[in-house]
Every structure is written in C-alpha cells, then in structure tokens.
Amino acid sequence: MKLEGIHHITAITGDAARNVDFYTRVMGLRMVKKTVNQDQPSVYHLFYADEQGSPGADITFFEFPGAASGRAGAGMVHRIVWRVASQEALDFWSGRLAAEASDVERDENSLRFSDPEGLGHELRVVDVPDKPLIADHPDVPRELALQGFHGARAYASDPGASAGLLDALGFEGQDGRYELRGNERGGLWTYDEPPAQPGQESAGTVHHIAWASQMDDLDAWRQRAIEGGARPTELIDRFWFRSIYFREPSGVLFEIATLGPGFDADEDPEHLGEKLVLPPRFEPMREQIEAVLTPISNPRSSS
C-alpha cells in the first residue's frame, strides 16, 4: 500500500475572477470543476488541472471575497513546485510570467514566482518516470506546458517532530527532505526554516495539501495515520473523492484523498467546469447558493 504523491493542493483567493484569469489564461490550466466549499457552501471551490482533471495536477481555491492578503508562516505550505520538461520551458515561462506575476526569479533549473495574491510557485526541470499531466491551451505549446506537481515546501520550526508520522505514511527521507512515491506517481515534501513573523491564513496562502490514495485503501491509511500519532477525521464523502483530514506535527493540514470517482462522475469530460456543479446534497440549496456567489465564467464555456 502506497500513497501516489500529491492529489491536490488547496489555497485561498479573495478574487475569483482574477484567480480564474491567472490560472487558466496565464498558467494554461483547465478549470475542471466550478463548485462550492462543502463545509461552507456560500463560497466557491474552484479546481484547475490538466485536460482530464487528474489528481497530481489539481490546484484548487476557496474564494472568500475581498479577503486580505495572508502570509505563510510556521506550519504552512509556502511554495508549490511544478514540473516542466526543459530549459526551453523555463525560458518560455520566464517571458510569459514577467508581466503577470511578481518576484520572478530564474536560476539554472527552476523559475520561482508568486501569483497576483502572493502564493509562491516554482517551475522545475525534472526527469521522472511519471506521466506528464498537461492541459491544452492555445498559447502554451504542449512541450512547454506544466506537467503536474513535483512537490511542495512548508515552513516548520521543528521538522523532526513530523518524522514519525511521515514514516508511517510511507515518506522516505530525513532532515526535513522527503519523497513520497507510489506505483504510479511520486513527489517531494520539504520543510524550510520559518520566517520570524507568524503566518496568517488568508488570500494567497495554502489551506491544505492532499495526498493520493488508491480507492480501497483509505480506511487503512486512516489507521496508519492514527498509528503515526495523528488524529484523523472520519471518512468524508466529497462526491468526486473520499478523504480524511488531520494536522501533522509541524502544523500543516494534511488530507488523504482517493483517486476517484473523479470529476467526470457528474459532467461530460468535454465540458468539465463550464457550469456550477453541486454535490447532490446541496442541489436543494442551489437558488440560495447562486444568489451569493460572484458571477464568473469558465473561459472554455460554450455558453
């Protein structure tokens, strides 16, 4: 039993329209689901990924309209690392992001930048056996496109405190640097020394990181988490996947989520994310929910 790398990473935005523009138009991702936060259905939950909406390429956002800028601190993810195929890809993204992002910084094998709300990203040239997870975009050649997550970096004052739990979950490594590799995908998990200022969860910060489980293994992963010292939730049905949540000892909110059923459970794969989709239990509330959401459209929508 192995976790299959990162399933998704969820962050916070204060401006859904700007968020859609940046992650679809600039980053070249596909909006694969427009829905609501199932724990607070008055706010959006927006999902961007590759063409199929695959776990491993899925960055998601809760919109809290007008939320002030946050900052990452101890116990929070501060950088999302993506894969690209070549130096030519870094050259392409360096030029493309120059006028669209902030803090753009290039070195030999990576490009670091922040989105318009300050969320940290890194594009890294890597050579891994994993299938590239690519979205189609008219302005982003496939050979230069993002290829899914490579890892994430978090701040931790005492990363050693997390070692026992990470070992129970199958992470391999030491000294704050770990790899999680399953049969199909893998990724890196790294702790860095935190800044002096405490973190503040708000726009431009990561809410949680989810790791991918095979469909039938979630109960067993819950038991593994307990054995590693965590206090996971009961299994939660998110309709497109099932999951558990718990905080690891350094403070980061972890989720373990199943690889299915997937985003095509209730939408035609050709039209993912074009309409507001609600899990069945929220359908009776559709009129009230739509009345409070910011009007946004998927750039691919044919409507």
Protein backbone atom coordinates (compact mmCIF):
# COMPACT_ATOMS: atom_id res chain seq x y z
CA MET A 1 0.00 0.00 0.00
CA LYS A 2 1.48 3.31 -1.14
CA LEU A 3 0.32 6.89 -1.45
CA GLU A 4 0.53 8.14 -5.03
CA GLY A 5 2.18 11.51 -4.45
CA ILE A 6 0.17 14.73 -4.27
CA HIS A 7 -3.55 14.51 -5.03
CA HIS A 8 -4.34 18.25 -4.88
CA ILE A 9 -3.32 21.46 -3.15
CA THR A 10 -5.98 23.88 -1.94
CA ALA A 11 -5.34 27.59 -1.39
CA ILE A 12 -7.39 30.72 -0.69
CA THR A 13 -8.28 33.59 -3.01
CA GLY A 14 -10.08 36.86 -2.35
CA ASP A 15 -10.94 37.43 -6.01
CA ALA A 16 -12.40 34.54 -8.01
CA ALA A 17 -12.43 36.36 -11.35
CA ARG A 18 -8.74 37.29 -11.13
CA ASN A 19 -7.95 33.78 -9.92
CA VAL A 20 -9.67 32.19 -12.92
CA ASP A 21 -7.84 34.53 -15.28
CA PHE A 22 -4.41 33.80 -13.83
CA TYR A 23 -4.65 30.03 -13.58
CA THR A 24 -6.42 29.45 -16.90
CA ARG A 25 -5.16 32.22 -19.19
CA VAL A 26 -1.66 32.71 -17.77
CA MET A 27 -0.75 29.32 -16.31
CA GLY A 28 -2.56 27.44 -19.05
CA LEU A 29 -4.52 25.11 -16.77
CA ARG A 30 -8.05 23.88 -17.40
CA MET A 31 -10.85 24.75 -14.98
CA VAL A 32 -12.22 21.28 -14.34
CA LYS A 33 -14.81 21.94 -11.64
CA LYS A 34 -16.74 25.02 -10.51
CA THR A 35 -18.43 24.16 -7.24
CA VAL A 36 -18.66 25.29 -3.61
CA ASN A 37 -16.79 24.68 -0.39
CA GLN A 38 -18.69 21.73 1.05
CA ASP A 39 -18.07 22.90 4.59
CA GLN A 40 -19.14 26.49 3.77
CA PRO A 41 -21.32 26.37 0.64
CA SER A 42 -21.68 30.14 0.40
CA VAL A 43 -18.16 30.34 -1.13
CA TYR A 44 -16.67 28.91 -4.30
CA HIS A 45 -14.36 25.95 -4.59
CA LEU A 46 -12.58 26.22 -7.95
CA PHE A 47 -10.46 23.40 -9.40
CA TYR A 48 -7.77 23.72 -12.09
CA ALA A 49 -5.78 20.81 -13.50
CA ASP A 50 -4.67 19.04 -16.65
CA GLU A 51 -7.01 18.14 -19.50
CA GLN A 52 -8.54 15.17 -17.65
CA GLY A 53 -8.75 16.78 -14.21
CA SER A 54 -6.18 14.31 -12.88
CA PRO A 55 -5.01 14.03 -9.29
CA GLY A 56 -1.41 15.18 -9.32
CA ALA A 57 -2.11 18.34 -11.31
CA ASP A 58 -5.07 19.72 -9.39
CA ILE A 59 -4.71 23.11 -7.69
CA THR A 60 -7.90 24.35 -6.05
CA PHE A 61 -9.09 27.56 -4.39
CA PHE A 62 -11.69 28.63 -1.87
CA GLU A 63 -12.91 32.16 -2.62
CA PHE A 64 -13.53 34.43 0.35
CA PRO A 65 -14.44 37.66 -1.48
CA GLY A 66 -12.29 40.61 -0.52
CA ALA A 67 -10.07 38.57 1.81
CA ALA A 68 -6.95 40.45 2.88
CA SER A 69 -3.53 39.21 1.85
CA GLY A 70 -2.19 36.44 4.06
CA ARG A 71 1.34 35.24 4.59
CA ALA A 72 2.88 31.82 5.05
CA GLY A 73 4.50 31.02 8.38
CA ALA A 74 5.38 28.03 10.52
CA GLY A 75 3.04 25.13 9.88
CA MET A 76 2.03 26.29 6.38
CA VAL A 77 2.93 25.37 2.83
CA HIS A 78 4.78 28.31 1.26
CA ARG A 79 5.68 27.08 -2.22
CA ILE A 80 4.10 24.78 -4.80
CA VAL A 81 6.57 23.08 -7.14
CA TRP A 82 5.52 22.14 -10.68
CA ARG A 83 7.28 20.03 -13.30
CA VAL A 84 8.35 21.24 -16.72
CA ALA A 85 10.28 19.34 -19.35
CA SER A 86 13.20 21.54 -20.39
CA GLN A 87 15.24 24.70 -20.17
CA GLU A 88 13.22 25.91 -23.16
CA ALA A 89 10.12 25.62 -21.00
CA LEU A 90 11.74 27.78 -18.32
CA ASP A 91 12.64 30.34 -20.97
CA PHE A 92 9.04 30.36 -22.18
CA TRP A 93 7.56 30.78 -18.70
CA SER A 94 10.12 33.39 -17.69
CA GLY A 95 8.91 35.57 -20.53
CA ARG A 96 5.23 34.77 -20.08
CA LEU A 97 5.20 35.46 -16.35
CA ALA A 98 7.28 38.63 -16.40
CA ALA A 99 4.23 40.86 -16.79
CA GLU A 100 1.72 38.61 -14.98
CA ALA A 101 3.41 37.52 -11.74
CA SER A 102 5.65 39.01 -9.08
CA ASP A 103 9.02 38.10 -7.57
CA VAL A 104 10.01 36.24 -10.75
CA GLU A 105 13.46 34.71 -10.25
CA ARG A 106 15.26 32.34 -12.63
CA ASP A 107 18.17 30.02 -11.96
CA GLU A 108 19.67 27.12 -13.90
CA ASN A 109 16.92 24.55 -13.38
CA SER A 110 13.99 26.44 -11.89
CA LEU A 111 11.83 29.52 -12.04
CA ARG A 112 10.26 30.96 -8.88
CA PHE A 113 7.42 33.48 -8.76
CA SER A 114 4.26 34.47 -6.90
CA ASP A 115 0.72 34.69 -8.24
CA PRO A 116 -1.18 38.03 -8.04
CA GLU A 117 -2.12 37.35 -4.41
CA GLY A 118 1.36 36.28 -3.30
CA LEU A 119 1.07 32.47 -3.48
CA GLY A 120 4.55 31.05 -4.11
CA HIS A 121 5.25 28.77 -7.06
CA GLU A 122 8.29 27.14 -8.61
CA LEU A 123 8.68 25.53 -12.01
CA ARG A 124 11.44 22.92 -12.05
CA VAL A 125 13.05 20.90 -14.83
CA VAL A 126 12.90 17.28 -13.72
CA ASP A 127 13.40 13.82 -15.19
CA VAL A 128 10.90 11.42 -13.64
CA PRO A 129 9.04 8.36 -14.94
CA ASP A 130 5.61 9.80 -14.10
CA LYS A 131 3.15 10.56 -16.89
CA PRO A 132 3.11 14.29 -17.74
CA LEU A 133 -0.24 15.82 -16.80
CA ILE A 134 -0.82 18.57 -19.35
CA ALA A 135 -3.70 20.93 -20.14
CA ASP A 136 -4.37 22.14 -23.67
CA HIS A 137 -4.05 25.88 -24.15
CA PRO A 138 -3.78 27.76 -27.47
CA ASP A 139 -0.91 29.94 -26.26
CA VAL A 140 1.09 27.26 -24.41
CA PRO A 141 2.78 24.60 -26.58
CA ARG A 142 2.34 21.13 -25.05
CA GLU A 143 6.09 20.52 -24.87
CA LEU A 144 6.45 23.68 -22.73
CA ALA A 145 3.35 23.28 -20.55
CA LEU A 146 3.15 22.49 -16.86
CA GLN A 147 3.27 18.73 -16.27
CA GLY A 148 1.73 18.40 -12.82
CA PHE A 149 3.05 18.76 -9.30
CA HIS A 150 6.62 17.87 -8.37
CA GLY A 151 6.35 18.72 -4.69
CA ALA A 152 5.64 21.32 -2.05
CA ARG A 153 7.64 23.19 0.58
CA ALA A 154 6.39 24.08 4.06
CA TYR A 155 7.75 26.06 6.96
CA ALA A 156 8.46 24.14 10.18
CA SER A 157 10.20 25.15 13.40
CA ASP A 158 10.91 21.52 14.32
CA PRO A 159 10.65 19.30 11.24
CA GLY A 160 11.95 16.34 13.19
CA ALA A 161 8.68 16.24 15.10
CA SER A 162 6.92 15.14 11.91
CA ALA A 163 9.31 12.29 11.07
CA GLY A 164 7.37 9.53 12.83
CA LEU A 165 4.06 10.29 11.15
CA LEU A 166 5.68 10.73 7.75
CA ASP A 167 7.40 7.38 8.15
CA ALA A 168 4.05 5.75 8.98
CA LEU A 169 2.61 7.21 5.77
CA GLY A 170 5.44 5.93 3.59
CA PHE A 171 7.50 9.10 3.13
CA GLU A 172 11.20 8.37 2.74
CA GLY A 173 13.94 10.80 3.74
CA GLN A 174 15.37 12.72 6.65
CA ASP A 175 16.43 16.18 7.82
CA GLY A 176 13.24 17.75 6.55
CA ARG A 177 13.52 16.42 2.98
CA TYR A 178 11.24 13.59 1.92
CA GLU A 179 9.99 11.73 -1.12
CA LEU A 180 6.63 10.04 -1.39
CA ARG A 181 6.45 7.60 -4.30
CA GLY A 182 3.67 5.20 -5.22
CA ASN A 183 3.29 2.78 -8.07
CA GLU A 184 2.14 5.47 -10.49
CA ARG A 185 3.36 8.86 -9.22
CA GLY A 186 5.56 10.49 -6.65
CA GLY A 187 6.65 13.85 -5.33
CA LEU A 188 8.79 15.73 -2.86
CA TRP A 189 7.91 17.19 0.54
CA THR A 190 10.36 19.65 2.10
CA TYR A 191 10.48 21.70 5.31
CA ASP A 192 12.23 25.06 5.46
CA GLU A 193 13.13 27.33 8.36
CA PRO A 194 10.14 29.61 9.03
CA PRO A 195 10.27 33.41 8.93
CA ALA A 196 10.16 35.36 12.18
CA GLN A 197 6.63 36.62 11.57
CA PRO A 198 3.81 34.19 12.33
CA GLY A 199 1.71 33.02 9.44
CA GLN A 200 -1.73 34.38 8.63
CA GLU A 201 -4.09 32.18 6.64
CA SER A 202 -5.90 34.31 4.06
CA ALA A 203 -5.71 35.19 0.36
CA GLY A 204 -2.54 33.91 -1.28
CA THR A 205 -1.87 31.12 1.23
CA VAL A 206 -2.32 27.35 1.11
CA HIS A 207 -5.15 25.90 3.16
CA HIS A 208 -4.15 22.21 2.91
CA ILE A 209 -2.28 19.63 0.86
CA ALA A 210 -3.84 16.30 -0.12
CA TRP A 211 -2.03 13.03 -0.80
CA ALA A 212 -3.45 10.44 -3.17
CA SER A 213 -4.79 7.06 -2.06
CA GLN A 214 -5.98 4.13 -4.11
CA MET A 215 -9.75 3.78 -3.89
CA ASP A 216 -9.87 0.85 -1.47
CA ASP A 217 -7.07 1.94 0.85
CA LEU A 218 -8.48 4.96 2.64
CA ASP A 219 -9.62 3.09 5.76
CA ALA A 220 -6.17 1.55 6.07
CA TRP A 221 -4.49 4.95 5.65
CA ARG A 222 -6.67 6.33 8.42
CA GLN A 223 -5.39 3.58 10.69
CA ARG A 224 -1.80 4.27 9.61
CA ALA A 225 -2.25 7.94 10.47
CA ILE A 226 -3.56 7.03 13.92
CA GLU A 227 -0.61 4.69 14.47
CA GLY A 228 1.70 7.55 13.48
CA GLY A 229 0.21 9.76 16.18
CA ALA A 230 -2.31 11.78 14.14
CA ARG A 231 -5.97 12.33 14.91
CA PRO A 232 -7.72 11.97 11.55
CA THR A 233 -11.34 12.78 10.87
CA GLU A 234 -13.79 10.08 9.98
CA LEU A 235 -14.04 9.32 6.27
CA ILE A 236 -15.74 12.19 4.42
CA ASP A 237 -17.53 11.76 1.09
CA ARG A 238 -16.66 14.70 -1.20
CA PHE A 239 -18.59 13.09 -4.09
CA TRP A 240 -15.65 13.31 -6.54
CA PHE A 241 -13.39 11.60 -4.00
CA ARG A 242 -13.44 10.42 -0.38
CA SER A 243 -10.96 11.74 2.16
CA ILE A 244 -9.70 12.18 5.71
CA TYR A 245 -8.01 15.22 7.27
CA PHE A 246 -5.51 15.68 10.09
CA ARG A 247 -2.72 18.05 11.10
CA GLU A 248 0.79 16.69 11.01
CA PRO A 249 3.05 17.62 13.97
CA SER A 250 4.58 20.66 12.23
CA GLY A 251 1.09 22.11 11.83
CA VAL A 252 0.34 21.57 8.13
CA LEU A 253 -3.19 20.38 7.41
CA PHE A 254 -2.95 17.08 5.53
CA GLU A 255 -5.69 15.35 3.59
CA ILE A 256 -5.59 11.87 2.12
CA ALA A 257 -7.97 11.66 -0.84
CA THR A 258 -8.95 8.81 -3.12
CA LEU A 259 -8.09 8.79 -6.82
CA GLY A 260 -11.76 8.56 -7.78
CA PRO A 261 -14.58 8.56 -8.65
CA GLY A 262 -13.27 11.66 -10.46
CA PHE A 263 -14.63 14.89 -11.92
CA ASP A 264 -16.38 13.12 -14.81
CA ALA A 265 -18.77 11.46 -12.33
CA ASP A 266 -21.29 14.23 -12.99
CA GLU A 267 -20.02 16.11 -16.06
CA ASP A 268 -19.13 15.23 -19.62
CA PRO A 269 -15.31 15.19 -19.82
CA GLU A 270 -15.53 17.57 -22.77
CA HIS A 271 -17.33 20.17 -20.65
CA LEU A 272 -15.73 19.98 -17.23
CA GLY A 273 -16.04 23.13 -15.16
CA GLU A 274 -18.33 25.02 -17.51
CA LYS A 275 -21.28 25.21 -15.12
CA LEU A 276 -21.76 25.47 -11.37
CA VAL A 277 -21.94 21.85 -10.20
CA LEU A 278 -23.19 20.97 -6.73
CA PRO A 279 -22.90 17.65 -4.92
CA PRO A 280 -26.40 16.09 -4.70
CA ARG A 281 -26.94 17.06 -1.07
CA PHE A 282 -26.58 20.75 -1.98
CA GLU A 283 -28.92 20.75 -5.00
CA PRO A 284 -31.97 21.77 -2.92
CA MET A 285 -29.98 24.89 -1.93
CA ARG A 286 -28.96 25.87 -5.47
CA GLU A 287 -31.05 29.04 -5.69
CA GLN A 288 -29.72 30.39 -2.39
CA ILE A 289 -26.14 29.41 -3.21
CA GLU A 290 -26.14 31.00 -6.66
CA ALA A 291 -27.52 34.23 -5.21
CA VAL A 292 -24.41 34.84 -3.06
CA LEU A 293 -21.64 33.68 -5.41
CA THR A 294 -19.55 36.06 -7.52
CA PRO A 295 -20.57 35.65 -11.20
CA ILE A 296 -17.64 34.04 -13.04
CA SER A 297 -17.34 32.05 -16.23
CA ASN A 298 -15.03 29.32 -17.42
CA PRO A 299 -13.07 30.58 -20.45
CA ARG A 300 -13.84 27.31 -22.20
CA SER A 301 -17.57 27.54 -21.68
CA SER A 302 -19.57 27.35 -24.88
CA SER A 303 -22.50 29.17 -23.26
